[in-house]
């Protein structure tokens, strides 16, 4: 998997913006990506040194439209701490 396929998009929330003060950045990543692949992708794309990678799987929320019930897509979030 290439670096640009591993990192999908940055997560822009109030909590993730507060983490940037401590050099912690949050990204949505591919659901098959490992911590090592995430570390390599961030170092390759942004030319920085990664200290730690925390990963969490987020289950898709239940959504409904009238009588029809479905689920949002499952996603994987990575919090990357830089040196």
Protein backbone atom coordinates (compact mmCIF):
# COMPACT_ATOMS: atom_id res chain seq x y z
CA UNK A 1 0.00 0.00 0.00
CA UNK A 2 1.37 3.42 -0.94
CA UNK A 3 1.68 6.29 1.54
CA UNK A 4 -1.11 8.30 -0.06
CA UNK A 5 -3.46 5.29 0.18
CA UNK A 6 -2.81 4.80 3.91
CA UNK A 7 -3.59 8.36 5.06
CA UNK A 8 -7.11 9.27 3.88
CA UNK A 9 -7.78 12.67 5.48
CA UNK A 10 -7.02 14.71 8.61
CA UNK A 11 -9.64 14.77 11.36
CA UNK A 12 -10.59 18.39 12.10
CA UNK A 13 -12.40 18.60 15.44
CA UNK A 14 -12.08 20.76 18.52
CA UNK A 15 -10.30 18.00 20.42
CA UNK A 16 -7.87 17.25 17.59
CA UNK A 17 -7.01 20.95 17.26
CA UNK A 18 -6.23 21.10 20.99
CA UNK A 19 -3.91 18.10 20.56
CA UNK A 20 -1.83 19.95 17.97
CA UNK A 21 -0.30 22.02 20.77
CA UNK A 22 1.31 18.79 22.05
CA UNK A 23 2.42 17.72 18.53
CA UNK A 24 -0.42 15.18 18.26
CA UNK A 25 -2.15 14.96 14.88
CA UNK A 26 -5.25 12.93 14.03
CA UNK A 27 -5.92 11.22 10.70
CA UNK A 28 -8.50 8.89 9.21
CA UNK A 29 -6.56 5.96 7.80
CA UNK A 30 -7.29 2.87 5.72
CA UNK A 31 -8.99 0.15 7.77
CA UNK A 32 -6.30 -2.37 6.76
CA UNK A 33 -3.33 -0.16 7.68
CA UNK A 34 -1.01 -1.19 10.52
CA UNK A 35 0.82 1.10 12.95
CA UNK A 36 4.07 0.58 11.07
CA UNK A 37 2.49 1.52 7.74
CA UNK A 38 0.89 4.62 9.29
CA UNK A 39 4.23 5.68 10.81
CA UNK A 40 6.03 5.22 7.48
CA UNK A 41 3.32 7.08 5.54
CA UNK A 42 3.34 10.12 7.85
CA UNK A 43 7.14 10.28 7.82
CA UNK A 44 7.17 9.97 4.01
CA UNK A 45 4.40 12.48 3.21
CA UNK A 46 5.15 15.21 5.78
CA UNK A 47 8.92 14.67 6.22
CA UNK A 48 8.74 14.52 10.05
CA UNK A 49 9.87 12.08 12.75
CA UNK A 50 7.09 10.08 14.46
CA UNK A 51 7.43 9.19 18.14
CA UNK A 52 4.23 7.20 18.69
CA UNK A 53 1.11 6.00 16.84
CA UNK A 54 -2.19 5.21 18.56
CA UNK A 55 -4.91 3.56 16.48
CA UNK A 56 -8.62 3.05 17.16
CA UNK A 57 -11.39 1.38 15.18
CA UNK A 58 -14.66 3.31 15.12
CA UNK A 59 -17.85 1.40 14.42
CA UNK A 60 -20.29 3.00 11.97
CA UNK A 61 -23.25 4.78 13.50
CA UNK A 62 -26.82 3.66 12.90
CA UNK A 63 -28.70 5.98 10.55
CA UNK A 64 -32.26 5.89 9.30
CA UNK A 65 -34.30 7.58 6.63
CA UNK A 66 -37.97 7.02 7.37
CA UNK A 67 -38.55 3.29 7.71
CA UNK A 68 -35.16 2.33 6.25
CA UNK A 69 -32.31 1.63 8.65
CA UNK A 70 -28.66 1.46 7.70
CA UNK A 71 -25.19 2.04 9.07
CA UNK A 72 -22.42 4.50 8.27
CA UNK A 73 -19.11 3.07 7.17
CA UNK A 74 -16.67 1.76 9.79
CA UNK A 75 -13.49 3.79 10.01
CA UNK A 76 -10.05 3.70 11.60
CA UNK A 77 -8.53 6.73 13.30
CA UNK A 78 -4.84 7.24 14.07
CA UNK A 79 -3.38 9.73 16.52
CA UNK A 80 0.24 10.41 15.60
CA UNK A 81 2.64 11.99 18.11
CA UNK A 82 5.71 13.71 16.67
CA UNK A 83 9.12 14.16 18.29
